[in-house]
Amino acid sequence: MLPVLDLKHVSKTFNPGTVNEKVALQNVDLHLEEGDFATIVGSNGAGKSTLFNAIAGEFIADTGTITLAGQDITMMPDYRRSKVIGRMFQDPLKGTAPHMTIEENLALAFLRASHQTSPFSRISKADRALFAEKLSALGLGLEDRMKQPVGLLSGGQRQALTLLMATLVTPKLLLLDEHTAALDPATAEKVLDLTKKIVAEHHITCLMITHNMHDALTLGNRTLMMDHGRIVLDVGGEERTHMTVPELLERFAQNVGHQLDNDRILLSKDA
């Protein structure tokens, strides 16, 4: 069986040959099978978000290939990839149009992902019923506020809505870039619970960047660690099931020759 996501020898250097040269990705290989849910941790500048940008098509890799569900997307523009790749960011203000209503935001996401071109006025009653049903499943009462602008929602409500928008039509791949980091702990837990529920229900293949070491080991089925643009550790199966946070940090240090130096990660390692 072909992997859903297959990166082979992907590298990217920004501003090559200048004083601002930055090697962001170094010969990255990554393979995700259908239904894999992999968490990614690493220090600032390790290449986590750059990896997501490469997969999403925000730039073309210098070397290597990216294949999604058997299709080579290495040279595919980002707007085409967005039809099959869902993505969420840390900032709740990203991913939604604040001056448009909840219903209109969902319609945009639905039309893009389902490859339709009908204007909002042609969204059917069945589509609106679908939106209301999906909103109701979030448990936030948003199904009764479909005509209200998204800008009136709290950060947690906007992230929950963005999650729904990203999965309204099941994507081939879901990228979650620290999507709960800007929320208060209670709200973050709610959004994370919704994430686990939606990913499991739809068997979505998922990559999630996190700074929480406990989440990195307990969510999904694989844990990846990055350092200086490389994936230096990939843990899954029984080894991951029985691994503690200190053991994970020790494995990282053994593989790269230094300790993890991200304060946010280290402060959250016992969370």
Protein backbone atom coordinates (compact mmCIF):
# COMPACT_ATOMS: atom_id res chain seq x y z
CA MET A 1 0.00 0.00 0.00
CA LEU A 2 1.32 3.45 -0.94
CA PRO A 3 1.76 5.95 1.91
CA VAL A 4 -0.65 8.88 2.06
CA LEU A 5 2.26 11.31 2.45
CA ASP A 6 5.72 10.53 1.11
CA LEU A 7 8.61 13.01 1.33
CA LYS A 8 11.91 11.91 -0.17
CA HIS A 9 15.16 13.88 0.29
CA VAL A 10 13.38 17.23 0.69
CA SER A 11 15.74 20.16 1.30
CA LYS A 12 15.30 23.93 1.39
CA THR A 13 17.80 26.76 1.89
CA PHE A 14 16.60 30.35 2.09
CA ASN A 15 18.79 33.22 0.81
CA PRO A 16 21.53 30.89 -0.47
CA GLY A 17 24.94 32.41 -0.96
CA THR A 18 24.21 35.45 1.21
CA VAL A 19 24.99 36.42 4.79
CA ASN A 20 21.35 35.56 5.57
CA GLU A 21 21.62 32.02 4.27
CA LYS A 22 19.43 29.66 6.30
CA VAL A 23 19.37 25.90 5.80
CA ALA A 24 15.76 25.16 6.80
CA LEU A 25 15.28 21.55 5.72
CA GLN A 26 18.01 18.97 5.23
CA ASN A 27 17.30 15.84 3.19
CA VAL A 28 14.00 15.11 4.96
CA ASP A 29 12.35 11.73 4.47
CA LEU A 30 8.86 11.24 5.92
CA HIS A 31 6.23 8.61 5.22
CA LEU A 32 2.71 8.63 6.68
CA GLU A 33 0.31 5.74 6.20
CA GLU A 34 -3.45 6.22 6.02
CA GLY A 35 -4.78 7.19 9.46
CA ASP A 36 -1.37 8.00 10.94
CA PHE A 37 -1.48 10.81 13.52
CA ALA A 38 2.06 12.03 14.14
CA THR A 39 3.05 14.73 16.61
CA ILE A 40 6.15 16.87 15.96
CA VAL A 41 8.33 18.57 18.58
CA GLY A 42 11.58 20.48 18.37
CA SER A 43 13.33 23.70 19.32
CA ASN A 44 12.58 27.05 17.70
CA GLY A 45 14.10 27.03 14.24
CA ALA A 46 14.19 23.24 14.05
CA GLY A 47 12.18 23.31 10.82
CA LYS A 48 8.73 22.25 12.00
CA SER A 49 6.68 25.03 10.39
CA THR A 50 9.00 25.07 7.38
CA LEU A 51 8.20 21.39 6.88
CA PHE A 52 4.49 22.25 6.91
CA ASN A 53 5.08 25.10 4.45
CA ALA A 54 6.87 22.70 2.10
CA ILE A 55 4.01 20.22 2.26
CA ALA A 56 1.37 22.95 1.83
CA GLY A 57 3.20 24.45 -1.16
CA GLU A 58 4.17 27.85 0.21
CA PHE A 59 7.50 27.36 -1.56
CA ILE A 60 9.03 24.80 -3.89
CA ALA A 61 11.68 22.60 -2.30
CA ASP A 62 15.23 22.90 -3.64
CA THR A 63 15.57 19.13 -3.87
CA GLY A 64 13.41 16.07 -3.30
CA THR A 65 9.85 15.02 -4.02
CA ILE A 66 6.53 15.27 -2.17
CA THR A 67 3.81 12.76 -2.97
CA LEU A 68 0.27 12.87 -1.57
CA ALA A 69 -2.07 9.90 -1.99
CA GLY A 70 0.02 8.65 -4.88
CA GLN A 71 0.15 12.01 -6.71
CA ASP A 72 3.38 13.94 -7.10
CA ILE A 73 2.62 17.43 -5.75
CA THR A 74 6.23 18.68 -5.64
CA MET A 75 5.56 21.44 -8.19
CA MET A 76 1.84 21.89 -7.50
CA PRO A 77 0.85 25.45 -6.44
CA ASP A 78 -0.47 25.99 -2.92
CA TYR A 79 -4.02 26.91 -3.98
CA ARG A 80 -4.42 23.50 -5.60
CA ARG A 81 -2.95 21.68 -2.61
CA SER A 82 -5.36 23.53 -0.29
CA LYS A 83 -8.25 21.59 -1.84
CA VAL A 84 -6.94 18.35 -0.33
CA ILE A 85 -4.79 19.56 2.58
CA GLY A 86 -6.43 21.08 5.66
CA ARG A 87 -4.31 23.38 7.83
CA MET A 88 -4.64 25.21 11.12
CA PHE A 89 -2.31 27.79 12.64
CA GLN A 90 -1.49 28.93 16.16
CA ASP A 91 -3.17 32.32 15.62
CA PRO A 92 -6.99 32.06 15.93
CA LEU A 93 -7.26 35.03 13.56
CA LYS A 94 -5.90 32.95 10.70
CA GLY A 95 -8.07 30.58 8.75
CA THR A 96 -11.34 32.52 8.92
CA ALA A 97 -12.74 35.73 7.40
CA PRO A 98 -13.86 37.85 10.40
CA HIS A 99 -16.33 40.08 8.55
CA MET A 100 -18.13 37.14 6.96
CA THR A 101 -20.72 35.09 8.81
CA ILE A 102 -20.13 31.63 10.22
CA GLU A 103 -22.29 30.21 7.44
CA GLU A 104 -20.34 32.07 4.75
CA ASN A 105 -17.00 30.87 6.14
CA LEU A 106 -18.24 27.29 6.11
CA ALA A 107 -19.56 27.76 2.57
CA LEU A 108 -16.15 28.99 1.42
CA ALA A 109 -14.43 25.96 2.94
CA PHE A 110 -17.05 23.58 1.55
CA LEU A 111 -16.92 24.96 -1.98
CA ARG A 112 -13.10 24.97 -2.08
CA ALA A 113 -12.64 21.46 -0.75
CA SER A 114 -15.50 19.92 -2.76
CA HIS A 115 -14.23 21.56 -5.98
CA GLN A 116 -17.47 23.45 -6.53
CA THR A 117 -17.74 26.99 -7.89
CA SER A 118 -21.31 27.93 -6.94
CA PRO A 119 -21.76 31.32 -5.24
CA PHE A 120 -23.03 31.56 -1.66
CA SER A 121 -26.56 32.31 -2.89
CA ARG A 122 -26.71 28.82 -4.36
CA ILE A 123 -25.79 26.99 -1.18
CA SER A 124 -28.67 24.59 -0.80
CA LYS A 125 -30.89 23.99 2.20
CA ALA A 126 -29.23 20.60 2.50
CA ASP A 127 -25.82 22.27 2.71
CA ARG A 128 -27.05 24.66 5.41
CA ALA A 129 -28.51 21.73 7.31
CA LEU A 130 -25.13 20.00 7.05
CA PHE A 131 -23.38 23.09 8.41
CA ALA A 132 -25.80 23.29 11.35
CA GLU A 133 -25.36 19.58 12.09
CA LYS A 134 -21.57 19.84 12.08
CA LEU A 135 -21.61 22.99 14.22
CA SER A 136 -23.94 21.33 16.71
CA ALA A 137 -21.45 18.46 17.11
CA LEU A 138 -18.88 20.99 18.38
CA GLY A 139 -21.05 21.58 21.45
CA LEU A 140 -20.47 25.35 21.44
CA GLY A 141 -23.92 26.57 20.37
CA LEU A 142 -22.59 27.97 17.09
CA GLU A 143 -25.38 26.34 15.13
CA ASP A 144 -27.66 29.07 16.52
CA ARG A 145 -25.28 31.84 15.43
CA MET A 146 -24.71 30.97 11.78
CA LYS A 147 -25.69 34.46 10.59
CA GLN A 148 -23.27 36.23 12.96
CA PRO A 149 -19.83 37.50 11.84
CA VAL A 150 -16.93 35.26 12.82
CA GLY A 151 -15.19 38.29 14.28
CA LEU A 152 -17.58 38.15 17.25
CA LEU A 153 -16.34 34.71 18.30
CA SER A 154 -13.78 34.01 21.01
CA GLY A 155 -10.37 32.58 20.12
CA GLY A 156 -11.42 29.07 21.10
CA GLN A 157 -14.65 29.28 19.13
CA ARG A 158 -12.74 30.48 16.08
CA GLN A 159 -10.25 27.63 16.36
CA ALA A 160 -13.08 25.12 16.69
CA LEU A 161 -14.74 26.65 13.61
CA THR A 162 -11.44 26.59 11.70
CA LEU A 163 -11.02 22.92 12.62
CA LEU A 164 -14.49 22.21 11.26
CA MET A 165 -13.73 24.18 8.09
CA ALA A 166 -10.51 22.22 7.55
CA THR A 167 -12.31 18.88 7.87
CA LEU A 168 -15.80 19.66 6.51
CA VAL A 169 -14.80 17.72 3.43
CA THR A 170 -12.38 15.08 4.71
CA PRO A 171 -8.89 16.17 3.62
CA LYS A 172 -6.22 13.77 2.46
CA LEU A 173 -3.92 15.35 5.06
CA LEU A 174 -4.47 17.64 8.06
CA LEU A 175 -1.66 19.93 9.28
CA LEU A 176 -2.03 21.35 12.80
CA ASP A 177 0.60 24.00 13.61
CA GLU A 178 0.37 24.44 17.42
CA HIS A 179 -3.33 25.17 16.93
CA THR A 180 -4.09 25.30 20.67
CA ALA A 181 -0.99 27.18 21.86
CA ALA A 182 -2.64 30.63 21.93
CA LEU A 183 -5.66 29.46 23.94
CA ASP A 184 -6.17 29.30 27.69
CA PRO A 185 -5.67 25.80 29.14
CA ALA A 186 -9.38 24.93 29.48
CA THR A 187 -10.21 26.11 25.97
CA ALA A 188 -7.11 24.42 24.54
CA GLU A 189 -8.21 21.13 26.08
CA LYS A 190 -11.67 21.52 24.54
CA VAL A 191 -10.26 22.18 21.07
CA LEU A 192 -7.80 19.30 21.45
CA ASP A 193 -10.63 16.95 22.42
CA LEU A 194 -12.57 18.07 19.34
CA THR A 195 -9.46 17.47 17.24
CA LYS A 196 -9.04 13.92 18.52
CA LYS A 197 -12.73 13.20 17.96
CA ILE A 198 -12.85 14.53 14.39
CA VAL A 199 -9.56 12.94 13.34
CA ALA A 200 -10.63 9.57 14.72
CA GLU A 201 -14.16 9.67 13.29
CA HIS A 202 -12.96 10.45 9.77
CA HIS A 203 -9.72 8.44 9.96
CA ILE A 204 -7.77 11.52 8.89
CA THR A 205 -4.03 11.34 8.32
CA CYS A 206 -2.62 14.09 10.50
CA LEU A 207 0.59 15.93 11.45
CA MET A 208 0.50 18.09 14.57
CA ILE A 209 3.22 20.43 15.85
CA THR A 210 3.14 20.79 19.63
CA HIS A 211 5.34 22.19 22.40
CA ASN A 212 3.69 19.97 25.02
CA MET A 213 5.81 16.88 25.60
CA HIS A 214 2.98 14.98 27.27
CA ASP A 215 0.73 15.57 24.24
CA ALA A 216 3.60 14.61 21.95
CA LEU A 217 3.71 11.14 23.50
CA THR A 218 0.01 10.54 24.13
CA LEU A 219 -1.72 11.92 21.03
CA GLY A 220 -1.82 9.88 17.87
CA ASN A 221 0.45 6.94 17.10
CA ARG A 222 3.86 8.47 16.27
CA THR A 223 6.18 11.10 17.72
CA LEU A 224 8.68 12.93 15.52
CA MET A 225 11.48 15.17 16.79
CA MET A 226 13.23 17.72 14.58
CA ASP A 227 16.56 19.50 14.92
CA HIS A 228 18.28 21.86 12.44
CA GLY A 229 15.98 20.94 9.58
CA ARG A 230 16.16 17.19 10.08
CA ILE A 231 13.87 14.55 11.54
CA VAL A 232 16.19 13.07 14.14
CA LEU A 233 13.76 10.75 15.93
CA ASP A 234 10.63 8.86 14.86
CA VAL A 235 9.03 6.80 17.63
CA GLY A 236 5.92 4.64 17.39
CA GLY A 237 4.41 1.33 18.39
CA GLU A 238 5.22 -0.36 21.68
CA GLU A 239 8.37 1.70 22.15
CA ARG A 240 6.30 4.90 22.20
CA THR A 241 3.54 3.42 24.35
CA HIS A 242 5.94 2.78 27.21
CA MET A 243 8.18 5.81 26.73
CA THR A 244 8.28 8.59 29.32
CA VAL A 245 9.02 12.26 28.63
CA PRO A 246 12.52 12.07 30.23
CA GLU A 247 13.30 9.01 28.09
CA LEU A 248 12.17 10.86 24.95
CA LEU A 249 14.38 13.83 25.82
CA GLU A 250 17.30 11.50 26.49
CA ARG A 251 16.83 9.77 23.12
CA PHE A 252 16.84 13.19 21.46
CA ALA A 253 20.09 14.16 23.20
CA GLN A 254 21.71 10.86 22.22
CA ASN A 255 20.76 11.31 18.57
CA VAL A 256 21.85 14.94 18.13
CA GLY A 257 24.54 15.38 20.77
CA HIS A 258 22.86 18.15 22.76
CA GLN A 259 19.85 18.73 24.98
CA LEU A 260 16.57 20.15 23.71
CA ASP A 261 16.76 23.90 24.36
CA ASN A 262 13.19 25.16 23.88
CA ASP A 263 11.97 26.71 27.15
CA ARG A 264 8.31 26.29 26.24
CA ILE A 265 8.83 22.57 25.65
CA LEU A 266 10.89 22.03 28.78
CA LEU A 267 8.45 23.95 30.96
CA SER A 268 5.60 21.82 29.64
CA LYS A 269 7.36 18.45 29.80
CA ASP A 270 5.57 17.43 32.99
CA ALA A 271 2.21 18.81 31.88
